[in-house]
Amino acid sequence: MIKDPFERLGLDREVLSVGQLNNRARLLLEDVFAQVWVEGEISNLAKPASGHMYFTLKDSQAQVRCALFRQNASRVRQALRDGLAVKVRGKVSLFEGRGDYQLILDSVEPAGDGALRLAFEALKEKLGAEGLFSAERKVALPSHPRRIGIISSPTGAVIRDIISVFRRRAPQVALTLIPTAVQGREATAQIVRALELADAQGFDALILARGGGSLEDLWCFNEEAVARAVDACVTPIVSAVGHETDVSISDFVADVRAPTPSAAAELLAPDSSDLVHRVENLQRRLLLRMRDRLAREQLRLDGLTRRLRHPGERLRQQAQRLDDLDMRLRRALIQQMNTRGERLARLDTRLAAQHPGRHLALLRQRLDSLAERLPRSMRQTLKQQRRQLDGLMQNLHLVSPLATLGRGYSILLDERGKPIRSATQTQPGQRLKARLGEGELEVRVEDNHLAPVTLSLLD
């Protein structure tokens, strides 16, 4: 196993996978840039359902991607938006899934005279005008306190530092911790309540303490309610919030401001005897050796830490990858819906083109056209049939016996109306009808010349 992920980078022809390359690059960036402050403008802000935040921090010359995970995003007091100028704190890292260089943030503050800074100055001016910072309201600290109340978080280095100072300088002083949150939304109400409880217990002095942090982390000590609670305390109070460069509203209102919690303890710890000084010297030497040993062990621990990465980092990488896949899935879903919407619109257009109403309209137009053509065709057919009938009538007239009669001939018909074509069809004395071209005659057959004629001698 390679002890250092970078010790073999110089070997010839070492072939790395993409994952190995990105992993080594991430470890190198996080080792060199463990914590940096960067100022810029927010753009492309994304807030997926996971609660994490992703945005691009840019200036006029460059840009860098930033990831603010949910547990840190919940501590940001100001609503982030595109175009907002901010100062961010975090470590430089690499999202191995895409090979993207990025900042993993743990703090975001307004840049320049941001909202918190403006609120700080406004409250400072207001309380200063009311006289809460005046020297006449300050109370001197006791020279030899016996009971001291400490208002701070029960965990962390602050309470340990204060206890250490009192053990070293004045172990006879009784210390009482009034626990409270010193950061977050609930901290303000808890600090006010702790001040009221501590002031009612008859302590010789109080220490209001917290470790260093950003302006946002220390903001509960800049709340008006805390400032007025500090001012209302009858017990002398020392404010030790943050490091030497950190200043809070509670520092101005308190009777004494200490640059650090340890310095606050030293202000209230009375001087001890020579034995105490010898103990202090021995303790100091012990602390130095312990620090040297701790420093060596810390170096060893740092080396082991670089080799053994915390599962949380892997989980954050996976969470970021999950957010990335979630955003890609949403974009793909929207694109697919748009594509299907366009296809549906095309099918709707085609369906409208094949609608029966349009076909019926065409058939109706054809029917109207045929209805107009039918009378004309009927008239033409009747006219043609009439001409043909006239021709046939003329031809019939030419062969009609009436035409023959018109030329002077006649037709003999018997009593039944049958034409007489032969003399054998008649008998003497038979009455016949002679049809002429105009009119008819009644005639009698005198002789058909078929039988010999016998005449009566008497005739």
Protein backbone atom coordinates (compact mmCIF):
# COMPACT_ATOMS: atom_id res chain seq x y z
CA MET A 1 0.00 0.00 0.00
CA ILE A 2 1.28 3.48 -0.89
CA LYS A 3 1.90 5.54 2.25
CA ASP A 4 1.62 8.88 0.50
CA PRO A 5 -0.69 9.19 -2.55
CA PHE A 6 1.77 11.60 -4.14
CA GLU A 7 5.12 9.87 -3.46
CA ARG A 8 5.00 7.86 -6.73
CA LEU A 9 3.83 10.64 -9.06
CA GLY A 10 7.39 11.07 -10.33
CA LEU A 11 7.88 7.45 -11.40
CA ASP A 12 8.16 6.87 -15.12
CA ARG A 13 5.23 5.39 -17.01
CA GLU A 14 2.97 5.05 -14.02
CA VAL A 15 -0.52 4.70 -15.44
CA LEU A 16 -3.38 6.01 -13.31
CA SER A 17 -7.07 5.42 -13.77
CA VAL A 18 -9.28 8.49 -14.02
CA GLY A 19 -10.61 7.79 -10.55
CA GLN A 20 -7.09 7.52 -9.09
CA LEU A 21 -6.05 10.76 -10.77
CA ASN A 22 -9.08 12.66 -9.46
CA ASN A 23 -8.63 11.15 -5.99
CA ARG A 24 -4.99 12.23 -5.78
CA ALA A 25 -5.83 15.68 -7.12
CA ARG A 26 -8.56 16.08 -4.50
CA LEU A 27 -6.30 14.99 -1.66
CA LEU A 28 -3.59 17.38 -2.81
CA LEU A 29 -5.98 20.32 -3.05
CA GLU A 30 -7.58 19.62 0.34
CA ASP A 31 -4.16 19.24 1.97
CA VAL A 32 -2.73 22.48 0.56
CA PHE A 33 -5.91 24.59 0.75
CA ALA A 34 -7.47 23.22 3.95
CA GLN A 35 -9.20 26.55 4.68
CA VAL A 36 -9.34 29.69 2.55
CA TRP A 37 -11.48 32.84 2.38
CA VAL A 38 -12.67 33.88 -1.07
CA GLU A 39 -14.72 36.88 -2.07
CA GLY A 40 -16.90 37.08 -5.18
CA GLU A 41 -20.40 37.23 -6.64
CA ILE A 42 -22.96 34.39 -6.61
CA SER A 43 -24.33 33.11 -9.92
CA ASN A 44 -26.10 29.94 -11.15
CA LEU A 45 -27.49 29.26 -7.65
CA ALA A 46 -29.14 25.81 -7.39
CA LYS A 47 -31.13 24.50 -4.39
CA PRO A 48 -32.07 20.82 -4.90
CA ALA A 49 -34.51 18.99 -2.63
CA SER A 50 -31.64 17.54 -0.57
CA GLY A 51 -31.10 20.91 1.16
CA HIS A 52 -27.59 21.36 -0.24
CA MET A 53 -26.70 24.50 -2.23
CA TYR A 54 -24.53 24.79 -5.31
CA PHE A 55 -23.46 28.01 -7.02
CA THR A 56 -20.66 29.65 -8.98
CA LEU A 57 -18.52 32.29 -7.26
CA LYS A 58 -17.12 34.71 -9.83
CA ASP A 59 -15.39 38.03 -10.31
CA SER A 60 -14.37 39.97 -13.42
CA GLN A 61 -11.53 37.55 -14.20
CA ALA A 62 -12.50 34.02 -13.17
CA GLN A 63 -15.06 31.75 -11.52
CA VAL A 64 -15.13 28.66 -9.30
CA ARG A 65 -17.88 26.18 -8.41
CA CYS A 66 -18.97 26.05 -4.74
CA ALA A 67 -20.86 23.42 -2.71
CA LEU A 68 -22.58 24.33 0.58
CA PHE A 69 -23.94 21.19 2.24
CA ARG A 70 -27.14 21.16 4.24
CA GLN A 71 -25.67 21.22 7.76
CA ASN A 72 -23.67 24.37 6.91
CA ALA A 73 -26.38 25.92 4.71
CA SER A 74 -28.79 25.93 7.69
CA ARG A 75 -26.45 28.32 9.54
CA VAL A 76 -26.47 30.96 6.80
CA ARG A 77 -28.66 33.78 8.07
CA GLN A 78 -28.97 35.71 4.83
CA ALA A 79 -30.97 34.38 1.87
CA LEU A 80 -28.57 33.65 -0.98
CA ARG A 81 -29.43 34.79 -4.49
CA ASP A 82 -27.74 35.34 -7.84
CA GLY A 83 -25.74 38.57 -7.96
CA LEU A 84 -25.10 38.72 -4.19
CA ALA A 85 -21.51 39.64 -3.21
CA VAL A 86 -20.27 37.33 -0.46
CA LYS A 87 -17.20 36.14 1.41
CA VAL A 88 -16.98 32.37 1.73
CA ARG A 89 -14.79 30.10 3.81
CA GLY A 90 -13.98 26.50 2.99
CA LYS A 91 -11.51 24.06 1.57
CA VAL A 92 -10.49 23.59 -2.05
CA SER A 93 -11.55 20.17 -3.30
CA LEU A 94 -12.47 18.19 -6.39
CA PHE A 95 -15.78 16.51 -7.25
CA GLU A 96 -14.31 13.20 -8.42
CA GLY A 97 -17.44 12.14 -10.33
CA ARG A 98 -17.00 14.92 -12.91
CA GLY A 99 -13.46 16.07 -12.23
CA ASP A 100 -14.78 19.53 -11.28
CA TYR A 101 -12.55 21.82 -9.20
CA GLN A 102 -14.66 23.33 -6.42
CA LEU A 103 -14.85 24.87 -2.96
CA ILE A 104 -16.52 22.91 -0.11
CA LEU A 105 -17.89 25.75 2.07
CA ASP A 106 -18.59 25.92 5.78
CA SER A 107 -19.40 29.65 6.06
CA VAL A 108 -20.94 32.37 3.88
CA GLU A 109 -20.96 36.07 4.84
CA PRO A 110 -22.02 39.23 3.00
CA ALA A 111 -19.02 40.92 1.40
CA GLY A 112 -17.95 44.40 2.42
CA ASP A 113 -20.55 46.26 4.51
CA GLY A 114 -22.98 43.35 4.42
CA ALA A 115 -26.33 43.06 6.12
CA LEU A 116 -24.87 41.75 9.41
CA ARG A 117 -22.24 44.47 9.55
CA LEU A 118 -24.85 47.16 8.89
CA ALA A 119 -27.12 45.70 11.58
CA PHE A 120 -24.14 45.61 13.98
CA GLU A 121 -23.35 49.30 13.42
CA ALA A 122 -27.01 50.31 13.69
CA LEU A 123 -27.47 48.54 17.04
CA LYS A 124 -24.15 49.87 18.32
CA GLU A 125 -25.19 53.44 17.51
CA LYS A 126 -28.63 52.93 19.09
CA LEU A 127 -27.35 51.48 22.39
CA GLY A 128 -24.49 53.99 22.52
CA ALA A 129 -27.01 56.82 22.23
CA GLU A 130 -28.93 55.30 25.18
CA GLY A 131 -25.75 55.32 27.30
CA LEU A 132 -25.33 51.55 27.68
CA PHE A 133 -21.61 51.89 26.87
CA SER A 134 -20.86 54.76 29.24
CA ALA A 135 -18.16 54.35 31.89
CA GLU A 136 -20.57 55.44 34.65
CA ARG A 137 -22.52 52.20 34.22
CA LYS A 138 -19.45 49.98 34.59
CA VAL A 139 -18.85 48.05 37.82
CA ALA A 140 -15.33 47.25 39.09
CA LEU A 141 -14.29 43.60 39.28
CA PRO A 142 -13.72 42.05 42.75
CA SER A 143 -10.08 41.65 43.84
CA HIS A 144 -10.55 38.26 45.49
CA PRO A 145 -13.65 36.53 44.11
CA ARG A 146 -14.75 33.28 45.71
CA ARG A 147 -17.59 32.21 43.41
CA ILE A 148 -17.63 32.89 39.69
CA GLY A 149 -20.33 31.96 37.23
CA ILE A 150 -19.34 31.01 33.68
CA ILE A 151 -21.97 31.47 30.96
CA SER A 152 -20.80 29.43 27.99
CA SER A 153 -21.18 26.17 26.10
CA PRO A 154 -20.49 23.07 28.20
CA THR A 155 -18.43 21.61 25.35
CA GLY A 156 -15.45 22.98 23.53
CA ALA A 157 -12.11 24.53 24.38
CA VAL A 158 -13.48 27.70 26.02
CA ILE A 159 -14.66 26.16 29.25
CA ARG A 160 -11.55 23.99 29.44
CA ASP A 161 -9.28 27.02 29.00
CA ILE A 162 -11.08 28.97 31.72
CA ILE A 163 -10.96 26.05 34.15
CA SER A 164 -7.29 25.55 33.34
CA VAL A 165 -6.47 29.17 34.12
CA PHE A 166 -8.28 29.08 37.46
CA ARG A 167 -6.69 25.79 38.44
CA ARG A 168 -3.32 27.26 37.68
CA ARG A 169 -3.79 30.70 39.23
CA ALA A 170 -6.53 30.31 41.82
CA PRO A 171 -7.68 26.75 42.50
CA GLN A 172 -9.56 27.96 45.58
CA VAL A 173 -12.15 29.83 43.49
CA ALA A 174 -15.41 27.93 43.00
CA LEU A 175 -16.51 27.86 39.38
CA THR A 176 -20.11 27.23 38.31
CA LEU A 177 -21.10 26.65 34.68
CA ILE A 178 -24.45 27.99 33.48
CA PRO A 179 -24.69 26.10 30.17
CA THR A 180 -26.12 27.75 27.08
CA ALA A 181 -25.90 27.54 23.34
CA VAL A 182 -23.49 30.12 21.94
CA GLN A 183 -24.40 29.80 18.26
CA GLY A 184 -27.56 29.32 16.24
CA ARG A 185 -31.16 30.50 16.38
CA GLU A 186 -31.87 29.28 19.93
CA ALA A 187 -28.69 30.81 21.36
CA THR A 188 -30.08 34.32 21.94
CA ALA A 189 -32.96 33.23 24.18
CA GLN A 190 -30.75 30.75 26.05
CA ILE A 191 -28.05 33.36 26.74
CA VAL A 192 -30.62 35.85 28.06
CA ARG A 193 -32.09 33.18 30.35
CA ALA A 194 -28.63 32.10 31.55
CA LEU A 195 -27.70 35.72 32.40
CA GLU A 196 -30.87 36.12 34.44
CA LEU A 197 -30.26 32.84 36.31
CA ALA A 198 -26.60 33.65 36.99
CA ASP A 199 -27.33 37.18 38.20
CA ALA A 200 -29.84 35.82 40.73
CA GLN A 201 -27.39 33.31 42.32
CA GLY A 202 -25.13 35.83 44.10
CA PHE A 203 -21.86 35.20 42.22
CA ASP A 204 -18.94 37.57 42.80
CA ALA A 205 -18.49 37.93 39.03
CA LEU A 206 -19.69 36.45 35.75
CA ILE A 207 -17.81 35.46 32.61
CA LEU A 208 -19.69 35.49 29.31
CA ALA A 209 -17.42 33.47 26.99
CA ARG A 210 -17.27 31.97 23.53
CA GLY A 211 -14.49 30.91 21.15
CA GLY A 212 -13.65 32.61 17.89
CA GLY A 213 -15.66 32.44 14.68
CA SER A 214 -17.11 34.43 11.85
CA LEU A 215 -19.37 37.44 12.31
CA GLU A 216 -22.32 35.18 11.60
CA ASP A 217 -21.18 32.60 14.17
CA LEU A 218 -20.84 35.31 16.85
CA TRP A 219 -24.06 37.08 15.93
CA CYS A 220 -26.07 35.99 18.96
CA PHE A 221 -23.77 38.23 21.07
CA ASN A 222 -24.75 41.16 18.82
CA GLU A 223 -28.48 40.77 19.49
CA GLU A 224 -30.23 43.60 21.32
CA ALA A 225 -31.87 41.20 23.79
CA VAL A 226 -28.46 39.88 24.92
CA ALA A 227 -27.02 43.40 25.19
CA ARG A 228 -29.88 44.56 27.41
CA ALA A 229 -29.64 41.39 29.52
CA VAL A 230 -25.91 42.09 30.09
CA ASP A 231 -26.70 45.69 31.03
CA ALA A 232 -29.41 44.53 33.46
CA CYS A 233 -26.98 42.30 35.40
CA VAL A 234 -26.10 43.62 38.86
CA THR A 235 -23.19 41.17 39.13
CA PRO A 236 -19.94 42.40 37.51
CA ILE A 237 -19.55 40.72 34.16
CA VAL A 238 -16.59 40.12 31.89
CA SER A 239 -17.30 39.62 28.19
CA ALA A 240 -14.82 37.31 26.40
CA VAL A 241 -16.34 36.60 23.00
CA GLY A 242 -14.11 35.39 20.17
CA HIS A 243 -10.46 36.16 19.60
CA GLU A 244 -8.61 39.44 20.13
CA THR A 245 -9.76 40.85 16.78
CA ASP A 246 -13.42 39.92 17.33
CA VAL A 247 -15.66 42.64 18.78
CA SER A 248 -19.29 42.18 19.78
CA ILE A 249 -22.03 44.39 21.18
CA SER A 250 -21.86 42.48 24.49
CA ASP A 251 -18.19 43.57 24.80
CA PHE A 252 -19.26 47.24 24.81
CA VAL A 253 -22.09 46.71 27.31
CA ALA A 254 -20.16 44.47 29.76
CA ASP A 255 -18.21 45.94 32.67
CA VAL A 256 -14.91 44.65 31.26
CA ARG A 257 -13.96 43.23 27.87
CA ALA A 258 -11.34 40.47 27.70
CA PRO A 259 -9.60 39.65 24.40
CA THR A 260 -9.98 35.88 24.97
CA PRO A 261 -11.76 33.58 27.47
CA SER A 262 -8.38 32.74 29.01
CA ALA A 263 -7.66 36.42 29.49
CA ALA A 264 -11.05 36.83 31.21
CA ALA A 265 -10.12 34.07 33.64
CA GLU A 266 -6.77 35.72 34.32
CA LEU A 267 -8.51 39.03 35.09
CA LEU A 268 -10.59 37.38 37.83
CA ALA A 269 -7.95 34.96 39.17
CA PRO A 270 -6.14 36.51 42.20
CA ASP A 271 -2.36 36.41 42.56
CA SER A 272 -0.99 33.31 44.31
CA SER A 273 2.08 32.53 46.40
CA ASP A 274 5.58 31.51 45.26
CA LEU A 275 4.53 27.90 45.47
CA VAL A 276 1.84 28.63 42.98
CA HIS A 277 4.46 30.26 40.73
CA ARG A 278 6.66 27.17 40.99
CA VAL A 279 3.67 25.02 40.19
CA GLU A 280 2.92 27.30 37.27
CA ASN A 281 6.50 26.97 36.00
CA LEU A 282 6.33 23.20 36.29
CA GLN A 283 2.91 23.18 34.68
CA ARG A 284 4.18 25.41 31.90
CA ARG A 285 7.09 23.03 31.27
CA LEU A 286 4.70 20.11 31.35
CA LEU A 287 2.39 21.87 28.95
CA LEU A 288 5.29 22.58 26.61
CA ARG A 289 6.36 18.95 26.66
CA MET A 290 2.77 17.86 26.25
CA ARG A 291 2.37 20.26 23.36
CA ASP A 292 5.59 18.98 21.82
CA ARG A 293 4.39 15.42 22.27
CA LEU A 294 0.96 16.41 21.01
CA ALA A 295 2.54 18.21 18.08
CA ARG A 296 4.52 15.08 17.16
CA GLU A 297 1.49 12.90 17.62
CA GLN A 298 -0.57 15.43 15.66
CA LEU A 299 1.86 15.21 12.77
CA ARG A 300 1.62 11.43 12.93
CA LEU A 301 -2.16 11.69 13.19
CA ASP A 302 -2.28 14.04 10.23
CA GLY A 303 -0.33 11.53 8.17
CA LEU A 304 -2.74 8.77 9.18
CA THR A 305 -5.68 11.08 8.54
CA ARG A 306 -4.56 11.71 4.97
CA ARG A 307 -4.40 7.95 4.43
CA LEU A 308 -7.71 7.19 6.16
CA ARG A 309 -10.41 9.52 4.88
CA HIS A 310 -13.47 10.13 6.98
CA PRO A 311 -16.62 8.39 5.68
CA GLY A 312 -18.40 11.73 5.81
CA GLU A 313 -16.30 13.04 2.94
CA ARG A 314 -17.24 10.04 0.84
CA LEU A 315 -20.87 10.55 1.79
CA ARG A 316 -20.67 14.22 0.80
CA GLN A 317 -19.13 13.22 -2.53
CA GLN A 318 -21.96 10.75 -3.07
CA ALA A 319 -24.53 13.31 -1.96
CA GLN A 320 -23.14 15.80 -4.45
CA ARG A 321 -23.19 13.15 -7.15
CA LEU A 322 -26.78 12.31 -6.21
CA ASP A 323 -27.73 15.98 -6.50
CA ASP A 324 -25.98 16.15 -9.85
CA LEU A 325 -27.85 13.06 -11.10
CA ASP A 326 -31.10 14.47 -9.72
CA MET A 327 -30.65 17.74 -11.64
CA ARG A 328 -29.68 15.81 -14.79
CA LEU A 329 -32.75 13.59 -14.41
CA ARG A 330 -34.99 16.62 -14.03
CA ARG A 331 -33.50 18.24 -17.13
CA ALA A 332 -33.89 14.97 -19.10
CA LEU A 333 -37.50 14.64 -17.93
CA ILE A 334 -38.30 18.20 -18.99
CA GLN A 335 -36.60 17.62 -22.35
CA GLN A 336 -38.51 14.36 -22.87
CA MET A 337 -41.79 16.06 -21.98
CA ASN A 338 -41.04 18.85 -24.45
CA THR A 339 -40.20 16.29 -27.17
CA ARG A 340 -43.39 14.36 -26.54
CA GLY A 341 -45.36 17.62 -26.47
CA GLU A 342 -43.98 18.53 -29.90
CA ARG A 343 -44.81 15.03 -31.24
CA LEU A 344 -48.33 15.32 -29.81
CA ALA A 345 -48.74 18.68 -31.53
CA ARG A 346 -47.64 17.15 -34.85
CA LEU A 347 -50.06 14.22 -34.42
CA ASP A 348 -52.82 16.64 -33.52
CA THR A 349 -52.12 18.58 -36.71
CA ARG A 350 -52.20 15.36 -38.73
CA LEU A 351 -55.42 14.28 -37.02
CA ALA A 352 -56.99 17.65 -37.78
CA ALA A 353 -55.98 17.17 -41.45
CA GLN A 354 -57.71 13.71 -41.46
CA HIS A 355 -60.82 14.93 -39.64
CA PRO A 356 -64.13 13.55 -41.16
CA GLY A 357 -65.53 17.06 -41.29
CA ARG A 358 -63.03 18.03 -43.94
CA HIS A 359 -63.83 14.89 -46.01
CA LEU A 360 -67.54 15.58 -45.62
CA ALA A 361 -66.99 19.14 -46.77
CA LEU A 362 -65.25 17.85 -49.91
CA LEU A 363 -68.07 15.36 -50.55
CA ARG A 364 -70.61 18.12 -49.95
CA GLN A 365 -68.85 20.29 -52.53
CA ARG A 366 -68.85 17.37 -54.98
CA LEU A 367 -72.58 16.73 -54.28
CA ASP A 368 -73.37 20.39 -54.90
CA SER A 369 -71.40 20.24 -58.14
CA LEU A 370 -73.27 17.07 -59.24
CA ALA A 371 -76.58 18.68 -58.24
CA GLU A 372 -75.78 21.58 -60.54
CA ARG A 373 -74.70 19.26 -63.38
CA LEU A 374 -77.76 16.90 -63.11
CA PRO A 375 -80.43 19.35 -64.43
CA ARG A 376 -78.19 20.35 -67.32
CA SER A 377 -77.50 16.70 -68.13
CA MET A 378 -81.20 15.86 -67.91
CA ARG A 379 -82.11 18.73 -70.24
CA GLN A 380 -79.41 17.74 -72.70
CA THR A 381 -80.54 14.06 -72.57
CA LEU A 382 -84.21 15.01 -73.04
CA LYS A 383 -83.31 17.29 -75.93
CA GLN A 384 -81.24 14.57 -77.54
CA GLN A 385 -84.03 11.99 -76.99
CA ARG A 386 -86.57 14.43 -78.43
CA ARG A 387 -84.45 14.91 -81.56
CA GLN A 388 -84.08 11.12 -81.87
CA LEU A 389 -87.87 10.70 -81.40
CA ASP A 390 -88.55 13.28 -84.09
CA GLY A 391 -86.23 11.39 -86.43
CA LEU A 392 -87.93 8.09 -85.67
CA MET A 393 -91.35 9.68 -86.18
CA GLN A 394 -90.26 10.96 -89.53
CA ASN A 395 -88.97 7.52 -90.49
CA LEU A 396 -92.17 5.93 -89.22
CA HIS A 397 -94.24 8.42 -91.11
CA LEU A 398 -92.43 7.48 -94.28
CA VAL A 399 -93.51 3.85 -93.91
CA SER A 400 -96.89 4.63 -92.37
CA PRO A 401 -99.97 3.51 -94.38
CA LEU A 402 -101.42 6.91 -93.68
CA ALA A 403 -98.77 8.39 -95.90
CA THR A 404 -99.82 5.93 -98.61
CA LEU A 405 -103.42 6.91 -98.14
CA GLY A 406 -102.44 10.46 -98.58
CA ARG A 407 -101.25 9.65 -102.07
CA GLY A 408 -104.78 8.44 -103.11
CA TYR A 409 -104.83 4.90 -101.88
CA SER A 410 -107.40 3.41 -99.46
CA ILE A 411 -107.55 0.52 -97.02
CA LEU A 412 -110.42 -1.95 -96.80
CA LEU A 413 -111.31 -3.16 -93.35
CA ASP A 414 -113.74 -5.94 -92.44
CA GLU A 415 -116.35 -5.63 -89.77
CA ARG A 416 -113.71 -6.53 -87.17
CA GLY A 417 -111.35 -3.81 -88.32
CA LYS A 418 -108.87 -6.18 -89.96
CA PRO A 419 -107.40 -5.09 -93.28
CA ILE A 420 -108.46 -6.97 -96.40
CA ARG A 421 -105.36 -8.08 -98.25
CA SER A 422 -106.93 -10.69 -100.56
CA ALA A 423 -110.19 -11.07 -102.40
CA THR A 424 -110.57 -14.46 -100.81
CA GLN A 425 -111.22 -12.69 -97.52
CA THR A 426 -114.48 -11.26 -98.86
CA GLN A 427 -117.81 -12.51 -99.89
CA PRO A 428 -120.27 -10.97 -102.23
CA GLY A 429 -122.69 -8.80 -100.38
CA GLN A 430 -120.26 -8.32 -97.52
CA ARG A 431 -120.09 -4.85 -96.16
CA LEU A 432 -116.62 -3.36 -95.73
CA LYS A 433 -115.16 -0.10 -94.54
CA ALA A 434 -112.89 1.82 -96.88
CA ARG A 435 -110.45 4.13 -95.11
CA LEU A 436 -109.28 6.97 -97.24
CA GLY A 437 -106.62 9.58 -96.78
CA GLU A 438 -109.40 11.78 -95.46
CA GLY A 439 -112.49 10.09 -94.06
CA GLU A 440 -114.05 6.63 -94.44
CA LEU A 441 -116.66 4.95 -96.75
CA GLU A 442 -119.12 2.11 -96.23
CA VAL A 443 -118.98 -0.25 -99.30
CA ARG A 444 -120.53 -3.60 -100.28
CA VAL A 445 -118.84 -6.35 -102.19
CA GLU A 446 -120.79 -7.00 -105.33
CA ASP A 447 -118.43 -9.59 -106.71
CA ASN A 448 -115.05 -10.90 -105.62
CA HIS A 449 -114.60 -12.67 -108.92
CA LEU A 450 -113.81 -15.96 -107.27
CA ALA A 451 -117.02 -17.91 -108.14
CA PRO A 452 -118.89 -17.93 -111.47
CA VAL A 453 -121.64 -15.42 -111.59
CA THR A 454 -125.15 -16.86 -111.86
CA LEU A 455 -127.69 -14.37 -112.93
CA SER A 456 -131.34 -14.94 -112.38
CA LEU A 457 -133.16 -15.15 -115.60
CA LEU A 458 -135.88 -13.25 -114.07
CA ASP A 459 -133.57 -10.42 -113.50
